[in-house]
Protein backbone atom coordinates (compact mmCIF):
# COMPACT_ATOMS: atom_id res chain seq x y z
CA MET A 1 15.73 32.41 -50.02
CA PRO A 2 14.07 29.18 -48.78
CA LEU A 3 14.07 26.03 -50.83
CA GLU A 4 11.20 25.74 -53.22
CA LEU A 5 8.78 22.98 -52.35
CA PRO A 6 8.56 20.26 -54.99
CA ASN A 7 5.56 20.27 -57.31
CA LEU A 8 3.87 16.91 -56.79
CA ASP A 9 1.15 17.62 -59.32
CA ASP A 10 3.55 17.43 -62.28
CA ARG A 11 1.72 14.95 -64.51
CA THR A 12 -1.40 15.52 -66.52
CA TYR A 13 -4.06 13.02 -67.46
CA GLU A 14 -2.52 12.70 -70.94
CA ASP A 15 0.95 12.06 -69.44
CA LEU A 16 -0.36 9.25 -67.24
CA VAL A 17 -2.21 7.55 -70.10
CA ALA A 18 0.82 7.80 -72.42
CA GLU A 19 3.15 6.35 -69.77
CA ALA A 20 0.79 3.46 -69.10
CA LEU A 21 0.58 2.66 -72.83
CA ARG A 22 4.38 2.61 -73.07
CA LEU A 23 4.56 0.00 -70.31
CA ILE A 24 2.07 -2.39 -71.93
CA PRO A 25 4.69 -4.19 -74.12
CA ASN A 26 6.74 -5.02 -71.00
CA TYR A 27 3.92 -6.60 -69.00
CA ALA A 28 1.41 -7.74 -71.64
CA PRO A 29 3.14 -8.14 -75.04
CA GLU A 30 0.13 -9.94 -76.47
CA TRP A 31 -2.00 -6.82 -75.90
CA THR A 32 -1.90 -4.95 -79.22
CA ASN A 33 -5.28 -3.19 -79.40
CA TYR A 34 -4.82 0.33 -78.02
CA ASN A 35 -8.07 1.75 -79.37
CA PRO A 36 -10.34 3.63 -76.91
CA SER A 37 -13.01 0.96 -77.42
CA ASP A 38 -10.79 -1.70 -75.82
CA PRO A 39 -11.89 -2.43 -72.20
CA GLY A 40 -8.28 -2.35 -71.02
CA ILE A 41 -7.74 1.13 -72.46
CA THR A 42 -10.95 2.27 -70.78
CA LEU A 43 -9.62 0.95 -67.46
CA ILE A 44 -6.29 2.74 -67.98
CA GLU A 45 -8.09 6.01 -68.70
CA MET A 46 -10.21 5.64 -65.57
CA LEU A 47 -7.16 4.95 -63.38
CA ALA A 48 -5.32 7.88 -64.96
CA TYR A 49 -8.28 10.14 -64.13
CA LEU A 50 -8.29 8.97 -60.50
CA THR A 51 -4.50 9.31 -60.24
CA GLU A 52 -4.63 12.86 -61.56
CA MET A 53 -7.16 13.73 -58.83
CA LEU A 54 -4.92 12.17 -56.16
CA LEU A 55 -1.89 14.10 -57.42
CA TYR A 56 -3.86 17.34 -57.25
CA ARG A 57 -4.91 16.63 -53.66
CA GLN A 58 -1.40 15.51 -52.72
CA ASN A 59 -0.01 18.84 -53.92
CA ARG A 60 -2.46 20.91 -51.84
CA ILE A 61 -2.26 21.95 -48.22
CA THR A 62 -5.70 21.28 -46.79
CA ASP A 63 -7.45 23.32 -44.10
CA ASP A 64 -6.94 20.49 -41.62
CA ASN A 65 -3.20 20.60 -42.24
CA LEU A 66 -3.13 24.38 -41.79
CA ARG A 67 -4.91 24.09 -38.45
CA THR A 68 -2.46 21.39 -37.37
CA PHE A 69 0.52 23.54 -38.35
CA LEU A 70 -0.90 26.50 -36.41
CA ARG A 71 -1.33 24.35 -33.31
CA LEU A 72 2.30 23.28 -33.63
CA LEU A 73 3.43 26.90 -33.94
CA ASN A 74 1.46 27.80 -30.84
CA GLY A 75 2.93 24.98 -28.79
CA PRO A 76 4.99 25.31 -25.61
CA ASP A 77 8.51 26.75 -25.72
CA TRP A 78 11.19 24.18 -26.42
CA VAL A 79 14.14 24.07 -24.07
CA ALA A 80 17.25 22.23 -25.17
CA GLU A 81 18.39 19.46 -22.90
CA GLN A 82 21.81 19.85 -21.42
CA ASN A 83 24.63 17.39 -22.07
CA GLN A 84 23.05 15.82 -25.15
CA ASP A 85 25.15 13.17 -26.78
CA LEU A 86 26.72 13.78 -30.18
CA ALA A 87 24.23 11.56 -32.07
CA GLN A 88 21.27 13.50 -30.66
CA GLU A 89 22.87 16.84 -31.53
CA ILE A 90 23.49 15.73 -35.12
CA GLN A 91 19.89 14.51 -35.42
CA ASP A 92 18.54 17.81 -34.10
CA ALA A 93 20.75 19.79 -36.50
CA VAL A 94 19.56 17.82 -39.50
CA LEU A 95 15.88 17.94 -38.54
CA ASN A 96 15.97 21.69 -37.97
CA LEU A 97 18.17 22.50 -40.95
CA ARG A 98 16.57 25.11 -43.17
CA ASP A 99 18.84 27.40 -45.13
CA GLU A 100 18.75 29.06 -48.50
CA TYR A 101 20.69 27.37 -51.29
CA ARG A 102 21.02 24.18 -49.27
CA ALA A 103 21.23 20.88 -51.21
CA ILE A 104 19.39 18.14 -49.36
CA THR A 105 16.98 16.43 -51.74
CA ALA A 106 17.60 15.29 -55.32
CA GLU A 107 15.50 18.21 -56.58
CA ASP A 108 17.75 20.64 -54.69
CA TYR A 109 20.84 19.39 -56.53
CA GLU A 110 19.13 19.69 -59.90
CA THR A 111 17.88 23.22 -59.15
CA LEU A 112 21.18 24.50 -57.77
CA SER A 113 23.09 22.99 -60.69
CA GLN A 114 21.47 25.55 -62.95
CA GLU A 115 21.94 28.53 -60.59
CA LYS A 116 24.65 31.08 -61.24
CA PHE A 117 27.78 30.39 -59.21
CA ASN A 118 31.27 31.86 -58.89
CA ILE A 119 34.57 30.42 -60.08
CA TRP A 120 38.14 30.98 -58.92
CA LEU A 121 40.65 33.16 -60.80
CA VAL A 122 44.35 32.46 -60.20
CA GLN A 123 47.06 34.90 -61.28
CA MET A 124 49.65 33.06 -63.40
CA GLN A 125 53.39 33.73 -63.46
CA GLN A 126 53.39 33.38 -67.25
CA GLU A 127 50.84 33.42 -70.02
CA GLU A 128 48.87 30.20 -70.31
CA LYS A 129 46.08 29.09 -72.60
CA ALA A 130 42.71 29.65 -70.93
CA ASP A 131 39.41 27.90 -71.42
CA LYS A 132 37.36 29.68 -74.09
CA LEU A 133 34.42 30.03 -71.72
CA LEU A 134 36.48 31.80 -69.03
CA GLU A 135 38.40 33.82 -71.62
CA LYS A 136 35.20 35.27 -73.07
CA SER A 137 33.81 35.96 -69.63
CA LEU A 138 36.90 37.91 -68.61
CA LYS A 139 36.87 39.98 -71.78
CA ASP A 140 33.22 40.89 -71.47
CA ARG A 141 32.59 41.36 -67.77
CA CYS A 142 35.78 41.77 -65.68
CA LYS A 143 36.09 45.41 -64.58
CA GLU A 144 38.57 45.23 -61.66
CA TRP A 145 41.78 43.37 -60.82
CA TRP A 146 43.75 43.14 -57.59
CA ASP A 147 47.41 42.16 -57.38
CA THR A 148 46.91 38.99 -55.41
CA THR A 149 46.39 35.28 -56.02
CA ASN A 150 43.55 32.86 -55.28
CA LEU A 151 40.98 35.63 -55.29
CA GLU A 152 37.35 34.60 -55.27
CA VAL A 153 35.67 36.78 -57.86
CA LYS A 154 32.82 38.87 -56.54
CA GLU A 155 29.46 38.37 -58.18
CA GLU A 156 29.18 41.98 -59.25
CA ASN A 157 32.60 41.83 -60.93
CA LEU A 158 32.40 38.52 -62.77
CA PRO A 159 28.96 36.87 -63.00
CA SER A 160 29.84 33.32 -63.99
CA LYS A 161 28.67 32.13 -67.38
CA VAL A 162 29.46 28.54 -66.49
CA SER A 163 25.94 27.76 -65.31
CA GLN A 164 24.52 29.19 -68.52
CA LYS A 165 26.22 26.34 -70.39
CA ILE A 166 24.18 23.69 -68.54
CA LYS A 167 21.15 22.56 -70.52
CA ARG A 168 19.85 20.00 -68.03
CA ALA A 169 20.81 18.52 -64.67
CA TYR A 170 19.72 15.22 -63.15
CA CYS A 171 20.44 13.96 -59.63
CA VAL A 172 21.01 10.27 -58.91
CA PRO A 173 21.11 9.59 -55.14
CA GLN A 174 23.07 6.70 -53.62
CA ARG A 175 25.10 6.12 -56.79
CA TYR A 176 28.74 6.89 -57.60
CA LEU A 177 28.75 7.64 -61.32
CA GLY A 178 32.36 8.82 -61.23
CA ALA A 179 33.55 5.23 -60.83
CA GLY A 180 35.71 3.71 -63.55
CA ARG A 181 33.88 0.38 -63.97
CA GLU A 182 30.35 0.32 -65.33
CA GLU A 183 29.26 -2.39 -62.86
CA GLU A 184 30.29 -0.15 -59.96
CA LYS A 185 28.25 2.76 -61.34
CA LYS A 186 25.09 0.63 -61.15
CA GLN A 187 25.60 -0.38 -57.51
CA SER A 188 23.91 1.38 -54.61
CA LYS A 189 26.36 3.56 -52.65
CA PRO A 190 25.11 5.06 -49.36
CA ASN A 191 26.07 8.71 -48.74
CA TYR A 192 26.91 9.22 -52.43
CA VAL A 193 25.13 11.71 -54.67
CA SER A 194 25.87 12.00 -58.40
CA VAL A 195 24.78 14.95 -60.52
CA LEU A 196 24.57 14.46 -64.28
CA ILE A 197 24.87 17.61 -66.36
CA LEU A 198 24.15 17.99 -70.06
CA PRO A 199 25.78 21.08 -71.61
CA ASP A 200 24.52 22.96 -74.63
CA LYS A 201 25.02 21.46 -78.07
CA ASP A 202 27.48 24.23 -78.95
CA SER A 203 29.76 23.20 -76.09
CA ASP A 204 33.46 23.13 -76.93
CA SER A 205 33.64 19.52 -75.72
CA ALA A 206 31.04 18.12 -78.11
CA ASN A 207 32.05 14.81 -79.71
CA GLN A 208 30.47 12.59 -82.32
CA LEU A 209 27.75 11.28 -80.01
CA GLY A 210 26.85 14.28 -77.88
CA PRO A 211 28.20 17.14 -75.74
CA GLN A 212 30.24 16.51 -72.59
CA PRO A 213 30.92 19.07 -69.83
CA THR A 214 34.42 20.51 -69.64
CA THR A 215 36.66 19.92 -66.64
CA LEU A 216 36.21 23.59 -65.70
CA LEU A 217 32.45 23.23 -65.70
CA ARG A 218 32.45 20.01 -63.64
CA ASP A 219 34.91 21.31 -61.05
CA ALA A 220 33.15 24.66 -60.67
CA LEU A 221 29.74 23.05 -60.20
CA GLN A 222 31.07 20.42 -57.80
CA GLY A 223 32.68 23.06 -55.62
CA TYR A 224 29.49 25.13 -55.67
CA LEU A 225 27.29 22.19 -54.67
CA GLN A 226 29.74 20.75 -52.14
CA GLN A 227 29.59 23.94 -50.08
CA ARG A 228 25.81 23.59 -49.92
CA SER A 229 25.62 19.85 -49.23
CA ILE A 230 25.05 18.37 -45.81
CA LEU A 231 27.93 16.70 -43.99
CA THR A 232 29.02 13.17 -45.01
CA THR A 233 27.68 13.68 -48.57
CA ARG A 234 30.09 12.42 -51.20
CA LEU A 235 29.37 14.35 -54.36
CA SER A 236 30.25 13.53 -57.95
CA VAL A 237 29.52 15.71 -61.00
CA VAL A 238 29.77 13.89 -64.33
CA GLY A 239 28.56 14.04 -67.91
CA PRO A 240 26.20 11.52 -69.52
CA THR A 241 27.19 8.21 -71.08
CA TYR A 242 25.91 8.05 -74.64
CA THR A 243 24.36 4.90 -76.05
CA PRO A 244 24.41 4.80 -79.86
CA ILE A 245 21.08 3.57 -81.18
CA SER A 246 20.45 2.52 -84.75
CA VAL A 247 17.28 1.02 -86.15
CA GLU A 248 16.78 -1.68 -88.77
CA ILE A 249 13.46 -0.93 -90.45
CA LEU A 250 11.46 -2.84 -93.05
CA VAL A 251 8.79 -0.56 -94.53
CA ALA A 252 5.82 -1.17 -96.81
CA ARG A 253 5.10 2.09 -98.61
CA ARG A 254 2.15 3.25 -100.65
CA SER A 255 2.54 2.90 -104.40
CA ASP A 256 1.99 6.62 -105.02
CA VAL A 257 4.92 7.72 -102.83
CA LEU A 258 8.62 7.73 -103.70
CA THR A 259 11.03 5.63 -101.66
CA GLU A 260 13.30 8.63 -101.12
CA THR A 261 10.44 10.64 -99.61
CA VAL A 262 9.69 7.90 -97.09
CA SER A 263 13.35 7.33 -96.13
CA ASN A 264 13.95 11.06 -95.58
CA GLY A 265 10.86 11.24 -93.38
CA ILE A 266 12.08 8.29 -91.31
CA VAL A 267 15.55 9.77 -90.80
CA LYS A 268 14.13 13.14 -89.73
CA ALA A 269 11.62 11.59 -87.33
CA MET A 270 14.25 9.38 -85.66
CA GLN A 271 16.66 12.30 -85.26
CA GLN A 272 14.02 14.24 -83.37
CA PHE A 273 12.90 11.20 -81.37
CA LEU A 274 16.40 10.17 -80.19
CA ASP A 275 17.64 13.69 -79.47
CA PRO A 276 19.60 13.45 -76.16
CA GLU A 277 18.78 17.07 -75.35
CA ASN A 278 15.10 16.20 -74.89
CA TRP A 279 15.34 12.54 -73.81
CA PRO A 280 14.55 11.99 -70.10
CA PHE A 281 17.33 10.34 -68.11
CA SER A 282 16.66 6.68 -67.16
CA ARG A 283 13.86 6.21 -69.72
CA ASP A 284 14.08 3.06 -71.88
CA VAL A 285 13.60 3.07 -75.65
CA HIS A 286 10.70 0.83 -76.77
CA VAL A 287 10.06 -0.62 -80.21
CA SER A 288 6.35 0.15 -79.81
CA GLU A 289 7.17 3.87 -79.62
CA VAL A 290 9.11 3.64 -82.89
CA TYR A 291 6.17 1.90 -84.56
CA GLU A 292 3.80 4.61 -83.33
CA LEU A 293 6.17 7.36 -84.49
CA LEU A 294 6.91 6.04 -87.98
CA GLU A 295 3.38 4.96 -88.85
CA LYS A 296 2.41 8.66 -88.77
CA ILE A 297 4.82 9.47 -91.62
CA ASP A 298 3.07 10.26 -94.87
CA GLY A 299 3.56 7.50 -97.43
CA ILE A 300 4.06 4.56 -95.05
CA ASP A 301 1.39 1.89 -95.41
CA TYR A 302 2.65 -0.28 -92.54
CA LEU A 303 5.85 -1.52 -90.88
CA THR A 304 6.73 -5.20 -91.02
CA ASP A 305 9.89 -5.22 -88.89
CA VAL A 306 11.66 -2.80 -86.52
CA LEU A 307 14.79 -3.72 -84.54
CA LEU A 308 16.65 -1.39 -82.18
CA VAL A 309 20.42 -1.97 -82.20
CA SER A 310 23.10 -0.52 -79.89
CA GLU A 311 26.73 -0.79 -81.00
CA CYS A 312 29.72 1.47 -80.25
CA GLN A 313 32.33 2.32 -82.87
CA PRO A 314 36.10 2.50 -82.08
CA GLU A 315 36.15 6.28 -82.51
CA ASP A 316 33.28 6.88 -80.05
CA GLN A 317 34.04 8.58 -76.72
CA HIS A 318 31.97 8.27 -73.53
CA CYS A 319 30.03 5.53 -75.30
CA LEU A 320 28.61 2.27 -74.03
CA ALA A 321 26.33 -0.17 -75.83
CA THR A 322 23.25 -1.02 -73.80
CA GLU A 323 21.24 -4.20 -73.26
CA THR A 324 18.21 -5.43 -75.17
CA LEU A 325 14.79 -5.85 -73.54
CA TRP A 326 12.94 -9.07 -74.47
CA ASN A 327 9.41 -10.37 -74.07
CA ASP A 328 8.51 -13.94 -73.17
CA ARG A 329 8.20 -14.91 -76.86
CA GLY A 330 11.88 -14.22 -77.49
CA GLU A 331 11.24 -10.96 -79.36
CA PRO A 332 13.29 -7.80 -78.71
CA ILE A 333 10.99 -5.02 -77.49
CA GLY A 334 13.45 -2.23 -76.71
CA LEU A 335 16.75 -1.07 -75.23
CA GLU A 336 17.43 -0.47 -71.54
CA LEU A 337 18.81 2.95 -70.59
CA TYR A 338 20.22 3.33 -67.07
CA ASP A 339 20.14 6.56 -65.06
CA HIS A 340 23.31 7.97 -66.62
CA TYR A 341 22.55 6.92 -70.23
CA LEU A 342 21.30 9.11 -73.05
CA PRO A 343 20.53 7.93 -76.60
CA ALA A 344 22.57 9.01 -79.62
CA ASN A 345 20.95 8.54 -83.00
CA ARG A 346 23.01 6.39 -85.40
CA LEU A 347 20.37 5.58 -88.02
CA LYS A 348 21.74 5.28 -91.57
CA LEU A 349 19.90 5.05 -94.87
CA ASP A 350 21.33 1.58 -95.60
CA GLN A 351 19.48 0.29 -92.50
CA ILE A 352 16.10 1.07 -94.05
CA ALA A 353 14.52 -1.35 -96.55
CA ILE A 354 11.50 0.06 -98.38
CA ALA A 355 9.25 -1.63 -100.93
CA PRO A 356 5.67 -1.18 -102.18
CA SER A 357 3.19 -2.88 -99.88
CA ALA A 358 1.96 -5.05 -102.78
CA ASN A 359 5.43 -6.63 -103.01
CA PHE A 360 5.40 -8.12 -99.51
CA LEU A 361 4.70 -11.84 -99.10
CA VAL A 362 3.88 -13.21 -95.65
CA VAL A 363 5.93 -16.29 -94.72
CA GLN A 364 4.89 -18.16 -91.59
CA LEU A 365 7.47 -20.31 -89.83
CA THR A 366 6.79 -22.53 -86.80
CA ILE A 367 9.82 -24.18 -85.20
CA LYS A 368 9.66 -26.78 -82.45
CA VAL A 369 12.83 -27.95 -80.69
CA ARG A 370 13.92 -29.97 -77.69
CA ALA A 371 16.68 -28.30 -75.71
CA ALA A 372 19.71 -30.16 -74.39
CA SER A 373 20.14 -30.70 -70.67
CA GLY A 374 21.03 -27.50 -68.84
CA ALA A 375 20.10 -25.21 -71.71
CA ASN A 376 18.28 -21.97 -70.99
CA PRO A 377 14.96 -22.07 -72.91
CA ASP A 378 14.58 -18.28 -73.01
CA LEU A 379 18.08 -17.68 -74.39
CA LEU A 380 17.62 -20.49 -76.88
CA ARG A 381 14.31 -19.05 -78.09
CA ARG A 382 15.92 -15.63 -78.58
CA GLN A 383 18.85 -17.15 -80.45
CA ILE A 384 16.63 -19.06 -82.87
CA LYS A 385 14.40 -16.03 -83.42
CA SER A 386 17.42 -13.86 -84.20
CA GLN A 387 18.91 -16.43 -86.57
CA THR A 388 15.74 -16.94 -88.59
CA ARG A 389 15.12 -13.20 -88.79
CA ALA A 390 18.62 -12.57 -90.15
CA PHE A 391 18.25 -15.46 -92.62
CA PHE A 392 15.12 -13.98 -94.25
CA HIS A 393 15.76 -10.23 -93.82
CA PRO A 394 16.60 -8.22 -96.98
CA LEU A 395 19.27 -6.21 -95.12
CA TYR A 396 21.32 -9.31 -94.25
CA PRO A 397 23.84 -11.31 -96.36
CA THR A 398 21.61 -14.33 -97.16
CA ILE A 399 19.12 -12.37 -99.26
CA ARG A 400 21.78 -9.99 -100.58
CA ASP A 401 23.90 -12.88 -101.90
CA LEU A 402 21.03 -14.82 -103.46
CA ASN A 403 19.09 -11.79 -104.70
CA PRO A 404 21.54 -8.86 -105.02
CA ASP A 405 19.43 -6.85 -107.47
CA GLY A 406 16.06 -7.68 -105.92
CA GLU A 407 14.86 -9.16 -109.21
CA THR A 408 15.69 -12.84 -108.61
CA ALA A 409 13.12 -15.48 -107.69
CA MET A 410 13.84 -17.73 -104.70
CA LYS A 411 12.78 -21.07 -103.33
CA ILE A 412 12.33 -21.79 -99.62
CA GLU A 413 12.05 -25.35 -98.35
CA VAL A 414 12.53 -27.50 -95.27
CA THR A 415 15.02 -30.30 -95.91
CA ALA A 416 14.84 -33.88 -94.67
CA ALA A 417 17.52 -33.02 -92.11
CA LYS A 418 15.17 -30.33 -90.72
CA THR A 419 17.18 -27.37 -91.96
CA ILE A 420 15.86 -24.34 -93.83
CA LYS A 421 17.19 -24.00 -97.38
CA MET A 422 16.85 -20.98 -99.64
CA SER A 423 17.84 -21.24 -103.32
CA SER A 424 17.89 -18.75 -106.19
CA LEU A 425 15.78 -19.54 -109.28
CA ARG A 426 15.73 -18.54 -112.92
CA LEU A 427 12.78 -18.72 -115.29
CA GLU A 428 13.20 -21.06 -118.29
CA ASN A 429 10.31 -22.01 -120.58
CA SER A 430 7.76 -20.76 -118.06
CA LYS A 431 9.31 -22.95 -115.36
CA TYR A 432 11.53 -22.09 -112.42
CA VAL A 433 14.92 -23.82 -112.40
CA GLU A 434 17.47 -23.73 -109.57
CA THR A 435 20.68 -21.88 -110.41
CA GLY A 436 22.80 -23.84 -107.93
CA SER A 437 23.20 -20.93 -105.51
CA PHE A 438 21.67 -21.57 -102.09
CA GLU A 439 21.99 -20.81 -98.38
CA GLU A 440 21.10 -23.19 -95.56
CA LEU A 441 20.21 -22.54 -91.91
CA ASN A 442 20.89 -25.34 -89.43
CA LEU A 443 19.13 -24.51 -86.17
CA ALA A 444 20.63 -27.48 -84.33
CA ILE A 445 23.91 -25.58 -83.94
CA ASN A 446 23.64 -22.89 -81.27
CA GLN A 447 26.64 -21.88 -79.18
CA VAL A 448 26.82 -18.48 -77.44
CA THR A 449 28.68 -16.87 -74.55
CA SER A 450 27.17 -15.00 -71.65
CA TYR A 451 28.68 -12.38 -69.31
CA VAL A 452 28.52 -13.27 -65.61
CA GLU A 453 28.92 -11.04 -62.54
CA THR A 454 32.45 -12.19 -61.71
CA GLY A 455 33.74 -10.35 -64.76
CA SER A 456 34.76 -13.51 -66.59
CA PHE A 457 33.11 -15.09 -69.59
CA GLU A 458 31.34 -18.41 -69.17
CA GLU A 459 30.27 -20.47 -72.14
CA LEU A 460 26.68 -21.65 -72.03
CA ASN A 461 25.79 -24.70 -74.08
CA LEU A 462 22.58 -23.92 -75.92
CA ALA A 463 22.87 -26.86 -78.29
CA ILE A 464 19.49 -28.21 -79.38
CA ASN A 465 18.99 -31.87 -78.58
CA GLN A 466 16.58 -32.28 -81.47
CA VAL A 467 14.70 -30.16 -83.99
CA THR A 468 11.24 -31.65 -83.64
CA SER A 469 9.63 -29.93 -86.61
CA ILE A 470 9.80 -26.92 -88.93
CA GLU A 471 6.54 -25.92 -90.56
CA LEU A 472 6.60 -23.54 -93.51
CA SER A 473 3.39 -21.93 -94.73
CA GLY A 474 2.32 -19.10 -96.98
CA ASP A 475 0.04 -18.12 -99.84
CA ARG A 476 2.30 -19.65 -102.49
CA ILE A 477 3.17 -23.13 -101.29
CA GLN A 478 4.07 -25.37 -104.27
CA LYS A 479 3.79 -29.10 -104.72
CA GLY A 480 6.44 -30.71 -102.58
CA GLY A 481 5.93 -28.20 -99.76
CA TRP A 482 8.35 -25.50 -100.93
CA LEU A 483 7.51 -21.81 -101.09
CA LEU A 484 8.03 -19.61 -104.16
CA ILE A 485 9.23 -16.02 -103.75
CA LYS A 486 8.82 -14.21 -107.07
CA ALA A 487 11.24 -11.60 -108.38
CA GLY A 488 10.83 -8.25 -106.62
CA GLU A 489 8.95 -9.68 -103.64
CA VAL A 490 10.02 -9.07 -100.05
CA ILE A 491 9.58 -11.63 -97.26
CA ASP A 492 7.41 -10.58 -94.32
CA LEU A 493 8.45 -13.21 -91.76
CA ARG A 494 6.10 -14.32 -88.98
CA SER A 495 8.01 -16.81 -86.81
CA GLN A 496 7.07 -18.80 -83.73
CA VAL A 497 9.51 -20.87 -81.66
CA GLU A 498 8.46 -23.53 -79.17
CA VAL A 499 11.14 -24.94 -76.85
CA ASP A 500 10.57 -28.19 -74.98
CA SER A 501 13.00 -28.41 -72.08
CA ALA A 502 11.34 -31.35 -70.33
CA ILE A 503 13.75 -33.94 -71.73
CA THR A 504 17.14 -34.19 -70.03
CA GLY A 505 20.16 -36.04 -71.23
């Protein structure tokens, strides 16, 4: 049968609007009002409406096109020129190629990957352990056997069940995803075509992160597609690379809802959201999507902090941690997923901090620094943001050490040396007294390493030349400029970092 023509009208008005809203944090992070009354949202909806009309027209064959095609069909007879050179003959063969089950475009590879195809049976001299998939297929369907080797099974005798194990297929042109090094997988490779296949969840090769295709499945599909590929195509059939994704979440709940109810709702929602079976290949994970998802959970008043984290564990197979996406304010806005990546949910209950909304206290922190000569302002801003977040976050050691039970008062102040100091307090005679336990954050010490393309590690000096100022503000500033955090309260940090890189030294 001929190849099916691609459906160009594959996005609805709602799909276009949703995709545009997901891209807003990348290009306009300061844009936070997504209500229909916002002029920008109105403009997006108008453009989505026009785009939907264009897609509809693009997918249609107009009367003018039909008349043009008929004129072409009624044209003069074509006579092949004699003694054509090899290049011209190859060009003519490719241009006039039209055969059923032929893989030419990326859509062809994805479609044929889920077709039924045959596999080879080889008669063994002695009994050997067979793949469970093939073993079951033989038991159920094989009706005839010939005394010969290397027999290609006829379709009526052994309809292959291999293709039935493929849940999804995705074609990546001009990439060699079978390479050993990750950097090589991301490079453009002419004449290469890679096909990613995701087997069913009940696959025998499932690991902790997600299912991987068996060697039998990969080899059978590669042989099937290779016979239908055009000449010079270098084909590779591989499974996905899983990126473990966990989320650190700080939640303000309603007072009439139990913490356990909220945490269970969060875990369930994230499991469905980060399901690799339904996640599109090459789509990034954005923090804004997590906010939108979790704010719909019954019992959540609002979210104060959400951080996406990607870290592999030693026992993980086919796993690779991905890179963080940042905005120009030094805030992480998501995780980047390449063509061959799929997310694997790693959210744990101890990564969720939940407290009544009345217990949250907003702490505003403005930090101004002068960077040393050669320092990267963007990297420095991210580093300072990450350090201050960890210093004030209830899931990190600073708060856990000073306030392990959540019932200890704390004092936050900016020292004369322009460091941030947090001390634990006890109440004596209606007055707060320091217990002697404290933690201090010195932002003038920043040293990190950065990976460069050569494969070696180069140390970048991000040392701050000078901390210009640290301003601490909130609703409970005491005399002397320090901030009181009462027992049971949770810090809702709002930080801003300004880096002056004009001074060199």
